[in-house]
């Protein structure tokens, strides 16, 4: 992941409502045991339920979702009059790998410095 991609991800995560949105989406994804069998309403959040859960208006939620989508953290899909949102697991894996590597490197440096 390039530095510019990382900067965009971190900028998207720098707002508390966006972190709350990710947590809501994470909770819904975890409840769906088999995403290949769950329909969108079972594994994804629609924009209206996100707005209601956070007590924010639709325009505000849409703005925050746009930033998360631009950073590649979520995907959206329109079905009729509803827009469903879900976390992009591949992006979360890439971030986890990055931080895992940083933690590993830091641990190795600390162990090497100890007598």
PDB file of N, CA and C in Angstrom:
ATOM      1  N   UNK A   1       0.852  -1.171   0.000  1.00  0.00           N
ATOM      2  CA  UNK A   1       0.000   0.000   0.000  1.00  0.00           C
ATOM      3  C   UNK A   1       0.897   1.233   0.000  1.00  0.00           C
ATOM      4  N   UNK A   2       0.632   2.145  -0.909  1.00  0.00           N
ATOM      5  CA  UNK A   2       1.478   3.336  -1.031  1.00  0.00           C
ATOM      6  C   UNK A   2       1.206   4.308   0.119  1.00  0.00           C
ATOM      7  N   UNK A   3       2.132   5.215   0.313  1.00  0.00           N
ATOM      8  CA  UNK A   3       1.961   6.226   1.358  1.00  0.00           C
ATOM      9  C   UNK A   3       0.748   7.100   1.099  1.00  0.00           C
ATOM     10  N   UNK A   4       0.484   7.422  -0.161  1.00  0.00           N
ATOM     11  CA  UNK A   4      -0.687   8.260  -0.456  1.00  0.00           C
ATOM     12  C   UNK A   4      -1.988   7.510  -0.174  1.00  0.00           C
ATOM     13  N   UNK A   5      -2.027   6.205  -0.456  1.00  0.00           N
ATOM     14  CA  UNK A   5      -3.210   5.401  -0.121  1.00  0.00           C
ATOM     15  C   UNK A   5      -3.408   5.341   1.390  1.00  0.00           C
ATOM     16  N   UNK A   6      -2.301   5.143   2.113  1.00  0.00           N
ATOM     17  CA  UNK A   6      -2.383   5.107   3.574  1.00  0.00           C
ATOM     18  C   UNK A   6      -2.868   6.429   4.145  1.00  0.00           C
ATOM     19  N   UNK A   7      -2.366   7.526   3.597  1.00  0.00           N
ATOM     20  CA  UNK A   7      -2.787   8.849   4.075  1.00  0.00           C
ATOM     21  C   UNK A   7      -4.287   9.033   3.875  1.00  0.00           C
ATOM     22  N   UNK A   8      -4.807   8.550   2.753  1.00  0.00           N
ATOM     23  CA  UNK A   8      -6.248   8.662   2.489  1.00  0.00           C
ATOM     24  C   UNK A   8      -7.053   7.807   3.471  1.00  0.00           C
ATOM     25  N   UNK A   9      -6.563   6.619   3.765  1.00  0.00           N
ATOM     26  CA  UNK A   9      -7.232   5.746   4.732  1.00  0.00           C
ATOM     27  C   UNK A   9      -7.232   6.397   6.111  1.00  0.00           C
ATOM     28  N   UNK A  10      -6.078   6.889   6.538  1.00  0.00           N
ATOM     29  CA  UNK A  10      -5.996   7.506   7.860  1.00  0.00           C
ATOM     30  C   UNK A  10      -6.857   8.763   7.949  1.00  0.00           C
ATOM     31  N   UNK A  11      -6.919   9.531   6.880  1.00  0.00           N
ATOM     32  CA  UNK A  11      -7.781  10.717   6.869  1.00  0.00           C
ATOM     33  C   UNK A  11      -9.243  10.310   7.004  1.00  0.00           C
ATOM     34  N   UNK A  12      -9.622   9.234   6.326  1.00  0.00           N
ATOM     35  CA  UNK A  12     -11.003   8.766   6.415  1.00  0.00           C
ATOM     36  C   UNK A  12     -11.329   8.273   7.819  1.00  0.00           C
ATOM     37  N   UNK A  13     -10.353   7.698   8.490  1.00  0.00           N
ATOM     38  CA  UNK A  13     -10.578   7.163   9.837  1.00  0.00           C
ATOM     39  C   UNK A  13     -10.440   8.203  10.938  1.00  0.00           C
ATOM     40  N   UNK A  14     -10.069   9.410  10.566  1.00  0.00           N
ATOM     41  CA  UNK A  14      -9.792  10.443  11.565  1.00  0.00           C
ATOM     42  C   UNK A  14     -11.045  11.112  12.111  1.00  0.00           C
ATOM     43  N   UNK A  15     -12.214  10.715  11.664  1.00  0.00           N
ATOM     44  CA  UNK A  15     -13.463  11.304  12.148  1.00  0.00           C
ATOM     45  C   UNK A  15     -14.232  10.258  12.959  1.00  0.00           C
ATOM     46  N   UNK A  16     -14.628  10.631  14.156  1.00  0.00           N
ATOM     47  CA  UNK A  16     -15.316   9.694  15.049  1.00  0.00           C
ATOM     48  C   UNK A  16     -16.572   9.068  14.422  1.00  0.00           C
ATOM     49  N   UNK A  17     -17.407   9.838  13.719  1.00  0.00           N
ATOM     50  CA  UNK A  17     -18.591   9.193  13.119  1.00  0.00           C
ATOM     51  C   UNK A  17     -18.228   8.086  12.135  1.00  0.00           C
ATOM     52  N   UNK A  18     -17.115   8.221  11.443  1.00  0.00           N
ATOM     53  CA  UNK A  18     -16.709   7.192  10.486  1.00  0.00           C
ATOM     54  C   UNK A  18     -16.270   5.922  11.196  1.00  0.00           C
ATOM     55  N   UNK A  19     -15.602   6.078  12.311  1.00  0.00           N
ATOM     56  CA  UNK A  19     -15.225   4.905  13.101  1.00  0.00           C
ATOM     57  C   UNK A  19     -16.479   4.205  13.626  1.00  0.00           C
ATOM     58  N   UNK A  20     -17.455   4.989  14.050  1.00  0.00           N
ATOM     59  CA  UNK A  20     -18.715   4.410  14.529  1.00  0.00           C
ATOM     60  C   UNK A  20     -19.435   3.684  13.398  1.00  0.00           C
ATOM     61  N   UNK A  21     -19.413   4.250  12.209  1.00  0.00           N
ATOM     62  CA  UNK A  21     -20.032   3.594  11.055  1.00  0.00           C
ATOM     63  C   UNK A  21     -19.371   2.247  10.783  1.00  0.00           C
ATOM     64  N   UNK A  22     -18.045   2.215  10.820  1.00  0.00           N
ATOM     65  CA  UNK A  22     -17.338   0.945  10.597  1.00  0.00           C
ATOM     66  C   UNK A  22     -17.707  -0.090  11.645  1.00  0.00           C
ATOM     67  N   UNK A  23     -17.823   0.343  12.892  1.00  0.00           N
ATOM     68  CA  UNK A  23     -18.192  -0.603  13.951  1.00  0.00           C
ATOM     69  C   UNK A  23     -19.602  -1.149  13.750  1.00  0.00           C
ATOM     70  N   UNK A  24     -20.525  -0.291  13.331  1.00  0.00           N
ATOM     71  CA  UNK A  24     -21.881  -0.771  13.044  1.00  0.00           C
ATOM     72  C   UNK A  24     -21.874  -1.796  11.919  1.00  0.00           C
ATOM     73  N   UNK A  25     -21.124  -1.499  10.864  1.00  0.00           N
ATOM     74  CA  UNK A  25     -21.048  -2.435   9.740  1.00  0.00           C
ATOM     75  C   UNK A  25     -20.364  -3.733  10.152  1.00  0.00           C
ATOM     76  N   UNK A  26     -19.358  -3.622  10.986  1.00  0.00           N
ATOM     77  CA  UNK A  26     -18.650  -4.811  11.468  1.00  0.00           C
ATOM     78  C   UNK A  26     -19.606  -5.707  12.245  1.00  0.00           C
ATOM     79  N   UNK A  27     -20.404  -5.115  13.111  1.00  0.00           N
ATOM     80  CA  UNK A  27     -21.349  -5.897  13.906  1.00  0.00           C
ATOM     81  C   UNK A  27     -22.335  -6.649  13.040  1.00  0.00           C
ATOM     82  N   UNK A  28     -22.828  -6.009  12.012  1.00  0.00           N
ATOM     83  CA  UNK A  28     -23.798  -6.662  11.122  1.00  0.00           C
ATOM     84  C   UNK A  28     -23.116  -7.781  10.338  1.00  0.00           C
ATOM     85  N   UNK A  29     -21.911  -7.557   9.872  1.00  0.00           N
ATOM     86  CA  UNK A  29     -21.177  -8.579   9.121  1.00  0.00           C
ATOM     87  C   UNK A  29     -20.920  -9.799   9.991  1.00  0.00           C
ATOM     88  N   UNK A  30     -20.578  -9.576  11.268  1.00  0.00           N
ATOM     89  CA  UNK A  30     -20.275 -10.694  12.158  1.00  0.00           C
ATOM     90  C   UNK A  30     -21.503 -11.543  12.451  1.00  0.00           C
ATOM     91  N   UNK A  31     -22.682 -10.935  12.447  1.00  0.00           N
ATOM     92  CA  UNK A  31     -23.909 -11.698  12.712  1.00  0.00           C
ATOM     93  C   UNK A  31     -24.279 -12.614  11.553  1.00  0.00           C
ATOM     94  N   UNK A  32     -23.808 -12.291  10.360  1.00  0.00           N
ATOM     95  CA  UNK A  32     -24.099 -13.118   9.186  1.00  0.00           C
ATOM     96  C   UNK A  32     -23.043 -14.217   9.112  1.00  0.00           C
ATOM     97  N   UNK A  33     -23.435 -15.428   9.410  1.00  0.00           N
ATOM     98  CA  UNK A  33     -22.489 -16.540   9.500  1.00  0.00           C
ATOM     99  C   UNK A  33     -21.942 -16.988   8.145  1.00  0.00           C
ATOM    100  N   UNK A  34     -22.748 -16.881   7.107  1.00  0.00           N
ATOM    101  CA  UNK A  34     -22.323 -17.340   5.780  1.00  0.00           C
ATOM    102  C   UNK A  34     -22.696 -16.276   4.749  1.00  0.00           C
ATOM    103  N   UNK A  35     -21.780 -15.316   4.489  1.00  0.00           N
ATOM    104  CA  UNK A  35     -22.097 -14.214   3.576  1.00  0.00           C
ATOM    105  C   UNK A  35     -22.568 -14.656   2.197  1.00  0.00           C
ATOM    106  N   UNK A  36     -22.163 -15.839   1.755  1.00  0.00           N
ATOM    107  CA  UNK A  36     -22.606 -16.297   0.434  1.00  0.00           C
ATOM    108  C   UNK A  36     -24.093 -16.655   0.440  1.00  0.00           C
ATOM    109  N   UNK A  37     -24.641 -16.923   1.608  1.00  0.00           N
ATOM    110  CA  UNK A  37     -26.057 -17.285   1.707  1.00  0.00           C
ATOM    111  C   UNK A  37     -26.923 -16.152   2.243  1.00  0.00           C
ATOM    112  N   UNK A  38     -26.331 -15.185   2.929  1.00  0.00           N
ATOM    113  CA  UNK A  38     -27.104 -14.071   3.483  1.00  0.00           C
ATOM    114  C   UNK A  38     -27.445 -13.091   2.367  1.00  0.00           C
ATOM    115  N   UNK A  39     -28.641 -12.531   2.422  1.00  0.00           N
ATOM    116  CA  UNK A  39     -28.939 -11.485   1.455  1.00  0.00           C
ATOM    117  C   UNK A  39     -28.349 -10.167   1.966  1.00  0.00           C
ATOM    118  N   UNK A  40     -28.409  -9.145   1.144  1.00  0.00           N
ATOM    119  CA  UNK A  40     -27.777  -7.870   1.507  1.00  0.00           C
ATOM    120  C   UNK A  40     -28.281  -7.324   2.828  1.00  0.00           C
ATOM    121  N   UNK A  41     -29.568  -7.440   3.100  1.00  0.00           N
ATOM    122  CA  UNK A  41     -30.105  -6.863   4.329  1.00  0.00           C
ATOM    123  C   UNK A  41     -29.610  -7.596   5.573  1.00  0.00           C
ATOM    124  N   UNK A  42     -29.177  -8.849   5.415  1.00  0.00           N
ATOM    125  CA  UNK A  42     -28.667  -9.599   6.565  1.00  0.00           C
ATOM    126  C   UNK A  42     -27.201  -9.314   6.861  1.00  0.00           C
ATOM    127  N   UNK A  43     -26.420  -8.982   5.815  1.00  0.00           N
ATOM    128  CA  UNK A  43     -24.985  -8.813   6.029  1.00  0.00           C
ATOM    129  C   UNK A  43     -24.496  -7.392   5.820  1.00  0.00           C
ATOM    130  N   UNK A  44     -25.361  -6.514   5.339  1.00  0.00           N
ATOM    131  CA  UNK A  44     -24.971  -5.129   5.076  1.00  0.00           C
ATOM    132  C   UNK A  44     -25.929  -4.181   5.782  1.00  0.00           C
ATOM    133  N   UNK A  45     -25.468  -2.986   6.009  1.00  0.00           N
ATOM    134  CA  UNK A  45     -26.310  -1.960   6.619  1.00  0.00           C
ATOM    135  C   UNK A  45     -26.832  -1.042   5.524  1.00  0.00           C
ATOM    136  N   UNK A  46     -28.108  -0.672   5.615  1.00  0.00           N
ATOM    137  CA  UNK A  46     -28.554   0.329   4.665  1.00  0.00           C
ATOM    138  C   UNK A  46     -28.332   1.716   5.272  1.00  0.00           C
ATOM    139  N   UNK A  47     -28.243   2.698   4.429  1.00  0.00           N
ATOM    140  CA  UNK A  47     -27.885   4.048   4.857  1.00  0.00           C
ATOM    141  C   UNK A  47     -28.870   4.572   5.890  1.00  0.00           C
ATOM    142  N   UNK A  48     -30.134   4.286   5.711  1.00  0.00           N
ATOM    143  CA  UNK A  48     -31.157   4.774   6.666  1.00  0.00           C
ATOM    144  C   UNK A  48     -30.948   4.202   8.058  1.00  0.00           C
ATOM    145  N   UNK A  49     -30.642   2.904   8.146  1.00  0.00           N
ATOM    146  CA  UNK A  49     -30.442   2.323   9.482  1.00  0.00           C
ATOM    147  C   UNK A  49     -29.154   2.835  10.121  1.00  0.00           C
ATOM    148  N   UNK A  50     -28.154   3.135   9.321  1.00  0.00           N
ATOM    149  CA  UNK A  50     -26.932   3.732   9.872  1.00  0.00           C
ATOM    150  C   UNK A  50     -27.220   5.122  10.436  1.00  0.00           C
ATOM    151  N   UNK A  51     -27.975   5.911   9.681  1.00  0.00           N
ATOM    152  CA  UNK A  51     -28.326   7.259  10.132  1.00  0.00           C
ATOM    153  C   UNK A  51     -29.125   7.193  11.423  1.00  0.00           C
ATOM    154  N   UNK A  52     -30.082   6.284  11.467  1.00  0.00           N
ATOM    155  CA  UNK A  52     -30.917   6.140  12.663  1.00  0.00           C
ATOM    156  C   UNK A  52     -30.082   5.682  13.861  1.00  0.00           C
ATOM    157  N   UNK A  53     -29.198   4.726  13.646  1.00  0.00           N
ATOM    158  CA  UNK A  53     -28.368   4.202  14.740  1.00  0.00           C
ATOM    159  C   UNK A  53     -27.468   5.264  15.347  1.00  0.00           C
ATOM    160  N   UNK A  54     -26.957   6.168  14.510  1.00  0.00           N
ATOM    161  CA  UNK A  54     -26.048   7.210  14.997  1.00  0.00           C
ATOM    162  C   UNK A  54     -26.758   8.532  15.273  1.00  0.00           C
ATOM    163  N   UNK A  55     -28.057   8.555  15.038  1.00  0.00           N
ATOM    164  CA  UNK A  55     -28.848   9.762  15.258  1.00  0.00           C
ATOM    165  C   UNK A  55     -28.298  10.949  14.459  1.00  0.00           C
ATOM    166  N   UNK A  56     -27.968  10.679  13.194  1.00  0.00           N
ATOM    167  CA  UNK A  56     -27.477  11.708  12.282  1.00  0.00           C
ATOM    168  C   UNK A  56     -28.382  11.749  11.057  1.00  0.00           C
ATOM    169  N   UNK A  57     -28.424  12.896  10.391  1.00  0.00           N
ATOM    170  CA  UNK A  57     -29.277  12.984   9.209  1.00  0.00           C
ATOM    171  C   UNK A  57     -28.620  12.281   8.020  1.00  0.00           C
ATOM    172  N   UNK A  58     -29.421  12.005   7.013  1.00  0.00           N
ATOM    173  CA  UNK A  58     -28.944  11.246   5.851  1.00  0.00           C
ATOM    174  C   UNK A  58     -27.814  11.952   5.106  1.00  0.00           C
ATOM    175  N   UNK A  59     -27.872  13.276   5.018  1.00  0.00           N
ATOM    176  CA  UNK A  59     -26.811  14.014   4.310  1.00  0.00           C
ATOM    177  C   UNK A  59     -25.470  13.839   5.016  1.00  0.00           C
ATOM    178  N   UNK A  60     -25.480  13.892   6.332  1.00  0.00           N
ATOM    179  CA  UNK A  60     -24.241  13.735   7.106  1.00  0.00           C
ATOM    180  C   UNK A  60     -23.698  12.316   6.952  1.00  0.00           C
ATOM    181  N   UNK A  61     -24.576  11.332   7.064  1.00  0.00           N
ATOM    182  CA  UNK A  61     -24.154   9.937   6.903  1.00  0.00           C
ATOM    183  C   UNK A  61     -23.591   9.719   5.501  1.00  0.00           C
ATOM    184  N   UNK A  62     -24.266  10.259   4.501  1.00  0.00           N
ATOM    185  CA  UNK A  62     -23.797  10.100   3.117  1.00  0.00           C
ATOM    186  C   UNK A  62     -22.405  10.683   2.925  1.00  0.00           C
ATOM    187  N   UNK A  63     -22.155  11.822   3.539  1.00  0.00           N
ATOM    188  CA  UNK A  63     -20.823  12.438   3.451  1.00  0.00           C
ATOM    189  C   UNK A  63     -19.765  11.504   4.049  1.00  0.00           C
ATOM    190  N   UNK A  64     -20.025  10.990   5.237  1.00  0.00           N
ATOM    191  CA  UNK A  64     -19.049  10.114   5.892  1.00  0.00           C
ATOM    192  C   UNK A  64     -18.857   8.808   5.117  1.00  0.00           C
ATOM    193  N   UNK A  65     -19.928   8.260   4.584  1.00  0.00           N
ATOM    194  CA  UNK A  65     -19.813   7.043   3.787  1.00  0.00           C
ATOM    195  C   UNK A  65     -19.009   7.287   2.519  1.00  0.00           C
ATOM    196  N   UNK A  66     -19.193   8.456   1.915  1.00  0.00           N
ATOM    197  CA  UNK A  66     -18.434   8.798   0.712  1.00  0.00           C
ATOM    198  C   UNK A  66     -16.937   8.808   1.014  1.00  0.00           C
ATOM    199  N   UNK A  67     -16.552   9.340   2.164  1.00  0.00           N
ATOM    200  CA  UNK A  67     -15.137   9.385   2.542  1.00  0.00           C
ATOM    201  C   UNK A  67     -14.588   7.978   2.795  1.00  0.00           C
ATOM    202  N   UNK A  68     -15.367   7.138   3.449  1.00  0.00           N
ATOM    203  CA  UNK A  68     -14.933   5.756   3.687  1.00  0.00           C
ATOM    204  C   UNK A  68     -14.818   4.983   2.374  1.00  0.00           C
ATOM    205  N   UNK A  69     -15.752   5.229   1.462  1.00  0.00           N
ATOM    206  CA  UNK A  69     -15.730   4.558   0.162  1.00  0.00           C
ATOM    207  C   UNK A  69     -14.540   5.043  -0.670  1.00  0.00           C
ATOM    208  N   UNK A  70     -14.286   6.359  -0.637  1.00  0.00           N
ATOM    209  CA  UNK A  70     -13.163   6.923  -1.391  1.00  0.00           C
ATOM    210  C   UNK A  70     -11.829   6.322  -0.914  1.00  0.00           C
ATOM    211  N   UNK A  71     -11.723   6.059   0.374  1.00  0.00           N
ATOM    212  CA  UNK A  71     -10.498   5.475   0.935  1.00  0.00           C
ATOM    213  C   UNK A  71     -10.421   3.969   0.699  1.00  0.00           C
ATOM    214  N   UNK A  72     -11.479   3.384   0.139  1.00  0.00           N
ATOM    215  CA  UNK A  72     -11.469   1.956  -0.155  1.00  0.00           C
ATOM    216  C   UNK A  72     -11.830   1.068   1.016  1.00  0.00           C
ATOM    217  N   UNK A  73     -12.352   1.654   2.101  1.00  0.00           N
ATOM    218  CA  UNK A  73     -12.658   0.883   3.297  1.00  0.00           C
ATOM    219  C   UNK A  73     -14.005   0.175   3.236  1.00  0.00           C
ATOM    220  N   UNK A  74     -14.940   0.725   2.469  1.00  0.00           N
ATOM    221  CA  UNK A  74     -16.267   0.122   2.362  1.00  0.00           C
ATOM    222  C   UNK A  74     -16.680   0.043   0.895  1.00  0.00           C
ATOM    223  N   UNK A  75     -17.724  -0.719   0.660  1.00  0.00           N
ATOM    224  CA  UNK A  75     -18.349  -0.746  -0.666  1.00  0.00           C
ATOM    225  C   UNK A  75     -19.826  -0.452  -0.459  1.00  0.00           C
ATOM    226  N   UNK A  76     -20.444   0.066  -1.484  1.00  0.00           N
ATOM    227  CA  UNK A  76     -21.879   0.322  -1.437  1.00  0.00           C
ATOM    228  C   UNK A  76     -22.535  -0.335  -2.639  1.00  0.00           C
ATOM    229  N   UNK A  77     -23.777  -0.710  -2.448  1.00  0.00           N
ATOM    230  CA  UNK A  77     -24.535  -1.337  -3.525  1.00  0.00           C
ATOM    231  C   UNK A  77     -25.980  -0.874  -3.437  1.00  0.00           C
ATOM    232  N   UNK A  78     -26.495  -0.390  -4.557  1.00  0.00           N
ATOM    233  CA  UNK A  78     -27.886   0.052  -4.608  1.00  0.00           C
ATOM    234  C   UNK A  78     -28.765  -1.116  -5.003  1.00  0.00           C
ATOM    235  N   UNK A  79     -29.827  -1.305  -4.231  1.00  0.00           N
ATOM    236  CA  UNK A  79     -30.874  -2.286  -4.541  1.00  0.00           C
ATOM    237  C   UNK A  79     -32.203  -1.565  -4.434  1.00  0.00           C
ATOM    238  N   UNK A  80     -32.781  -1.262  -5.568  1.00  0.00           N
ATOM    239  CA  UNK A  80     -34.039  -0.509  -5.565  1.00  0.00           C
ATOM    240  C   UNK A  80     -33.816   0.865  -4.984  1.00  0.00           C
ATOM    241  N   UNK A  81     -34.598   1.207  -3.973  1.00  0.00           N
ATOM    242  CA  UNK A  81     -34.435   2.527  -3.362  1.00  0.00           C
ATOM    243  C   UNK A  81     -33.492   2.526  -2.162  1.00  0.00           C
ATOM    244  N   UNK A  82     -32.886   1.385  -1.875  1.00  0.00           N
ATOM    245  CA  UNK A  82     -31.984   1.269  -0.740  1.00  0.00           C
ATOM    246  C   UNK A  82     -30.535   1.196  -1.200  1.00  0.00           C
ATOM    247  N   UNK A  83     -29.655   1.769  -0.398  1.00  0.00           N
ATOM    248  CA  UNK A  83     -28.211   1.641  -0.610  1.00  0.00           C
ATOM    249  C   UNK A  83     -27.662   0.877   0.583  1.00  0.00           C
ATOM    250  N   UNK A  84     -26.990  -0.223   0.295  1.00  0.00           N
ATOM    251  CA  UNK A  84     -26.407  -1.056   1.334  1.00  0.00           C
ATOM    252  C   UNK A  84     -24.899  -0.842   1.379  1.00  0.00           C
ATOM    253  N   UNK A  85     -24.351  -0.855   2.581  1.00  0.00           N
ATOM    254  CA  UNK A  85     -22.923  -0.620   2.800  1.00  0.00           C
ATOM    255  C   UNK A  85     -22.323  -1.807   3.538  1.00  0.00           C
ATOM    256  N   UNK A  86     -21.085  -2.136   3.167  1.00  0.00           N
ATOM    257  CA  UNK A  86     -20.369  -3.187   3.887  1.00  0.00           C
ATOM    258  C   UNK A  86     -18.881  -2.890   3.862  1.00  0.00           C
ATOM    259  N   UNK A  87     -18.196  -3.450   4.834  1.00  0.00           N
ATOM    260  CA  UNK A  87     -16.749  -3.297   4.944  1.00  0.00           C
ATOM    261  C   UNK A  87     -16.077  -4.136   3.857  1.00  0.00           C
ATOM    262  N   UNK A  88     -14.996  -3.613   3.301  1.00  0.00           N
ATOM    263  CA  UNK A  88     -14.195  -4.370   2.330  1.00  0.00           C
ATOM    264  C   UNK A  88     -13.141  -5.159   3.111  1.00  0.00           C
ATOM    265  N   UNK A  89     -13.357  -6.451   3.311  1.00  0.00           N
ATOM    266  CA  UNK A  89     -12.427  -7.235   4.130  1.00  0.00           C
ATOM    267  C   UNK A  89     -11.011  -7.249   3.582  1.00  0.00           C
ATOM    268  N   UNK A  90     -10.858  -7.179   2.256  1.00  0.00           N
ATOM    269  CA  UNK A  90      -9.512  -7.209   1.690  1.00  0.00           C
ATOM    270  C   UNK A  90      -8.707  -5.987   2.119  1.00  0.00           C
ATOM    271  N   UNK A  91      -9.351  -4.844   2.256  1.00  0.00           N
ATOM    272  CA  UNK A  91      -8.644  -3.640   2.712  1.00  0.00           C
ATOM    273  C   UNK A  91      -8.273  -3.774   4.190  1.00  0.00           C
ATOM    274  N   UNK A  92      -9.152  -4.346   4.987  1.00  0.00           N
ATOM    275  CA  UNK A  92      -8.857  -4.543   6.405  1.00  0.00           C
ATOM    276  C   UNK A  92      -7.687  -5.514   6.572  1.00  0.00           C
ATOM    277  N   UNK A  93      -7.641  -6.541   5.718  1.00  0.00           N
ATOM    278  CA  UNK A  93      -6.513  -7.487   5.769  1.00  0.00           C
ATOM    279  C   UNK A  93      -5.200  -6.779   5.424  1.00  0.00           C
ATOM    280  N   UNK A  94      -5.239  -5.918   4.423  1.00  0.00           N
ATOM    281  CA  UNK A  94      -4.024  -5.186   4.032  1.00  0.00           C
ATOM    282  C   UNK A  94      -3.545  -4.298   5.180  1.00  0.00           C
ATOM    283  N   UNK A  95      -4.473  -3.638   5.858  1.00  0.00           N
ATOM    284  CA  UNK A  95      -4.091  -2.791   6.992  1.00  0.00           C
ATOM    285  C   UNK A  95      -3.547  -3.633   8.140  1.00  0.00           C
ATOM    286  N   UNK A  96      -4.189  -4.761   8.398  1.00  0.00           N
ATOM    287  CA  UNK A  96      -3.723  -5.650   9.469  1.00  0.00           C
ATOM    288  C   UNK A  96      -2.315  -6.164   9.163  1.00  0.00           C
ATOM    289  N   UNK A  97      -2.061  -6.523   7.916  1.00  0.00           N
ATOM    290  CA  UNK A  97      -0.727  -6.987   7.525  1.00  0.00           C
ATOM    291  C   UNK A  97       0.311  -5.885   7.710  1.00  0.00           C
ATOM    292  N   UNK A  98      -0.048  -4.672   7.328  1.00  0.00           N
ATOM    293  CA  UNK A  98       0.872  -3.549   7.481  1.00  0.00           C
ATOM    294  C   UNK A  98       1.237  -3.337   8.948  1.00  0.00           C
ATOM    295  N   UNK A  99       0.217  -3.265   9.806  1.00  0.00           N
ATOM    296  CA  UNK A  99       0.492  -3.036  11.226  1.00  0.00           C
ATOM    297  C   UNK A  99       1.162  -4.237  11.868  1.00  0.00           C
ATOM    298  N   UNK A 100       0.830  -5.437  11.398  1.00  0.00           N
ATOM    299  CA  UNK A 100       1.503  -6.632  11.901  1.00  0.00           C
ATOM    300  C   UNK A 100       2.991  -6.604  11.583  1.00  0.00           C
ATOM    301  N   UNK A 101       3.318  -6.173  10.372  1.00  0.00           N
ATOM    302  CA  UNK A 101       4.729  -6.089   9.974  1.00  0.00           C
ATOM    303  C   UNK A 101       5.466  -5.023  10.784  1.00  0.00           C
ATOM    304  N   UNK A 102       4.816  -3.898  11.001  1.00  0.00           N
ATOM    305  CA  UNK A 102       5.430  -2.838  11.814  1.00  0.00           C
ATOM    306  C   UNK A 102       5.688  -3.342  13.224  1.00  0.00           C
ATOM    307  N   UNK A 103       4.699  -4.029  13.814  1.00  0.00           N
ATOM    308  CA  UNK A 103       4.862  -4.554  15.172  1.00  0.00           C
ATOM    309  C   UNK A 103       5.982  -5.586  15.227  1.00  0.00           C
ATOM    310  N   UNK A 104       6.037  -6.443  14.221  1.00  0.00           N
ATOM    311  CA  UNK A 104       7.097  -7.458  14.156  1.00  0.00           C
ATOM    312  C   UNK A 104       8.479  -6.809  14.069  1.00  0.00           C
ATOM    313  N   UNK A 105       8.603  -5.818  13.202  1.00  0.00           N
ATOM    314  CA  UNK A 105       9.878  -5.118  13.038  1.00  0.00           C
ATOM    315  C   UNK A 105      10.295  -4.431  14.333  1.00  0.00           C
ATOM    316  N   UNK A 106       9.337  -3.796  15.008  1.00  0.00           N
ATOM    317  CA  UNK A 106       9.650  -3.116  16.269  1.00  0.00           C
ATOM    318  C   UNK A 106      10.093  -4.128  17.327  1.00  0.00           C
ATOM    319  N   UNK A 107       9.412  -5.264  17.411  1.00  0.00           N
ATOM    320  CA  UNK A 107       9.788  -6.289  18.376  1.00  0.00           C
ATOM    321  C   UNK A 107      11.172  -6.835  18.086  1.00  0.00           C
ATOM    322  N   UNK A 108      11.470  -7.048  16.825  1.00  0.00           N
ATOM    323  CA  UNK A 108      12.792  -7.563  16.448  1.00  0.00           C
ATOM    324  C   UNK A 108      13.887  -6.566  16.826  1.00  0.00           C
ATOM    325  N   UNK A 109      13.635  -5.294  16.609  1.00  0.00           N
ATOM    326  CA  UNK A 109      14.630  -4.261  16.949  1.00  0.00           C
ATOM    327  C   UNK A 109      14.849  -4.179  18.453  1.00  0.00           C
ATOM    328  N   UNK A 110      13.780  -4.299  19.233  1.00  0.00           N
ATOM    329  CA  UNK A 110      13.903  -4.238  20.688  1.00  0.00           C
ATOM    330  C   UNK A 110      14.695  -5.448  21.200  1.00  0.00           C
ATOM    331  N   UNK A 111      14.377  -6.643  20.674  1.00  0.00           N
ATOM    332  CA  UNK A 111      15.077  -7.849  21.092  1.00  0.00           C
ATOM    333  C   UNK A 111      16.541  -7.815  20.700  1.00  0.00           C
ATOM    334  N   UNK A 112      16.847  -7.279  19.549  1.00  0.00           N
ATOM    335  CA  UNK A 112      18.248  -7.174  19.087  1.00  0.00           C
ATOM    336  C   UNK A 112      19.050  -6.206  19.920  1.00  0.00           C
ATOM    337  N   UNK A 113      18.396  -5.188  20.462  1.00  0.00           N
ATOM    338  CA  UNK A 113      19.091  -4.170  21.259  1.00  0.00           C
ATOM    339  C   UNK A 113      19.347  -4.633  22.687  1.00  0.00           C
ATOM    340  N   UNK A 114      18.629  -5.672  23.156  1.00  0.00           N
ATOM    341  CA  UNK A 114      18.808  -6.154  24.523  1.00  0.00           C
ATOM    342  C   UNK A 114      20.039  -7.032  24.604  1.00  0.00           C
ATOM    343  N   UNK A 115      20.832  -6.861  25.678  1.00  0.00           N
ATOM    344  CA  UNK A 115      22.032  -7.689  25.840  1.00  0.00           C
ATOM    345  C   UNK A 115      21.751  -9.110  26.206  1.00  0.00           C
TER     346      UNK A 115
END
